[in-house]
Structures are given as structure tokens and as C-alpha cells.
Amino acid sequence: MVGKLPQGLAPEDVGALLSHVPLPGEGGLEGEVEWVRVVLGELQRNGCAEVFSVEQFVGDAVAYADGWVAKGKRKEKVNYTWSRTFP
């Protein structure tokens, strides 16, 4: 799970934590993927995301996205943590 605030942390605190992470530029997918890596790491370090392998997640996400594009799909839910079910 990503985004559940730990007790004592407000949304503004998360904004402050992430304010130093520069937004990706016009460089394309690599910059955006790196931004996701950095943000997920920051969220994990501050208790705002469950601990999981960010590298494995990024690799899986890019592979799934490539597959969806190849099949002409736009959206699909994937339960990455395997510890919860989707409604």
C-alpha cells in the first residue's frame, strides 16, 4: 500500500518530504521511472508506503505497461503486494 499516512503525519508533511524530489523533465520515460523510484523510496523511509522491492516493482510495472500498449489496453489493476484483494 502506498499513501496511507502514519499516525502523526499530515498530507502537508508528505508534500514537504517530497518537495526536494525534482519532477521529471522532458527526457521521456527514463526520467519518469527514476522519479517513481526516488518517490517510492522516500515514502517507504518515512512510513508512507509498505516495504517492497522498488526495483522489482519498477521492472514489473514497465513490463506490464509494455504489454498493455502492445495489446492496445489502457488500464488494468495489478495487485503488486499480493497481501490485499481489489474490490
Protein backbone atom coordinates (compact mmCIF):
# COMPACT_ATOMS: atom_id res chain seq x y z
CA MET A 1 0.00 0.00 0.00
CA VAL A 2 1.27 3.44 -0.86
CA GLY A 3 -0.15 6.66 0.52
CA LYS A 4 -1.64 5.66 3.86
CA LEU A 5 -0.44 8.24 6.33
CA PRO A 6 1.16 7.01 9.53
CA GLN A 7 -0.27 8.45 12.72
CA GLY A 8 1.01 11.95 13.34
CA LEU A 9 1.84 12.68 9.69
CA ALA A 10 -0.38 15.08 7.74
CA PRO A 11 -0.69 15.39 3.94
CA GLU A 12 1.30 18.61 4.15
CA ASP A 13 4.16 16.68 5.76
CA VAL A 14 4.25 14.29 2.81
CA GLY A 15 4.34 17.28 0.47
CA ALA A 16 7.30 18.64 2.39
CA LEU A 17 9.07 15.24 2.26
CA LEU A 18 8.69 15.08 -1.50
CA SER A 19 9.26 18.74 -2.28
CA HIS A 20 13.00 18.17 -2.75
CA VAL A 21 12.44 15.45 -5.38
CA PRO A 22 12.65 17.21 -8.75
CA LEU A 23 9.85 16.49 -11.18
CA PRO A 24 10.88 14.59 -14.29
CA GLY A 25 11.78 16.76 -17.23
CA GLU A 26 11.05 16.33 -20.88
CA GLY A 27 13.53 13.44 -21.08
CA GLY A 28 10.96 10.72 -21.57
CA LEU A 29 10.19 7.51 -19.80
CA GLU A 30 13.57 7.02 -18.09
CA GLY A 31 13.22 10.27 -16.14
CA GLU A 32 9.68 9.43 -15.10
CA VAL A 33 10.65 5.93 -13.98
CA GLU A 34 13.56 7.33 -11.95
CA TRP A 35 11.18 9.82 -10.32
CA VAL A 36 8.89 6.95 -9.28
CA ARG A 37 11.90 5.06 -7.83
CA VAL A 38 13.00 8.05 -5.76
CA VAL A 39 9.50 8.94 -4.56
CA LEU A 40 8.66 5.38 -3.53
CA GLY A 41 11.93 5.15 -1.62
CA GLU A 42 11.19 8.40 0.22
CA LEU A 43 7.67 7.24 1.06
CA GLN A 44 8.98 3.91 2.35
CA ARG A 45 11.65 5.57 4.51
CA ASN A 46 9.01 7.77 6.09
CA GLY A 47 6.39 5.08 6.73
CA CYS A 48 4.01 6.17 3.96
CA ALA A 49 4.45 3.01 1.89
CA GLU A 50 4.76 -0.66 2.71
CA VAL A 51 8.21 -2.15 2.33
CA PHE A 52 8.64 -3.91 -1.01
CA SER A 53 11.32 -4.10 -3.65
CA VAL A 54 11.08 -0.84 -5.57
CA GLU A 55 13.38 -2.21 -8.28
CA GLN A 56 11.21 -5.27 -8.80
CA PHE A 57 8.08 -3.12 -8.79
CA VAL A 58 9.52 -0.73 -11.40
CA GLY A 59 10.68 -3.61 -13.60
CA ASP A 60 7.30 -5.33 -13.36
CA ALA A 61 5.39 -2.08 -13.95
CA VAL A 62 7.37 -1.22 -17.09
CA ALA A 63 6.94 -4.79 -18.39
CA TYR A 64 3.17 -4.71 -17.71
CA ALA A 65 2.87 -1.31 -19.37
CA ASP A 66 4.77 -2.52 -22.43
CA GLY A 67 2.40 -5.49 -22.63
CA TRP A 68 -0.70 -3.32 -22.26
CA VAL A 69 0.50 -0.98 -25.00
CA ALA A 70 1.27 -3.90 -27.30
CA LYS A 71 -2.27 -5.27 -26.75
CA GLY A 72 -3.90 -1.86 -27.13
CA LYS A 73 -5.11 -1.85 -23.50
CA ARG A 74 -5.22 1.34 -21.47
CA LYS A 75 -5.94 0.36 -17.86
CA GLU A 76 -5.59 -2.75 -15.77
CA LYS A 77 -5.29 -3.25 -12.00
CA VAL A 78 -2.42 -5.32 -10.66
CA ASN A 79 -2.13 -6.30 -7.01
CA TYR A 80 1.60 -5.93 -6.51
CA THR A 81 1.70 -6.65 -2.78
CA TRP A 82 -0.29 -9.89 -3.03
CA SER A 83 -1.48 -9.19 0.51
CA ARG A 84 -4.73 -7.44 -0.42
CA THR A 85 -7.55 -8.00 -2.84
CA PHE A 86 -9.08 -5.41 -5.12
CA PRO A 87 -12.79 -4.72 -4.91
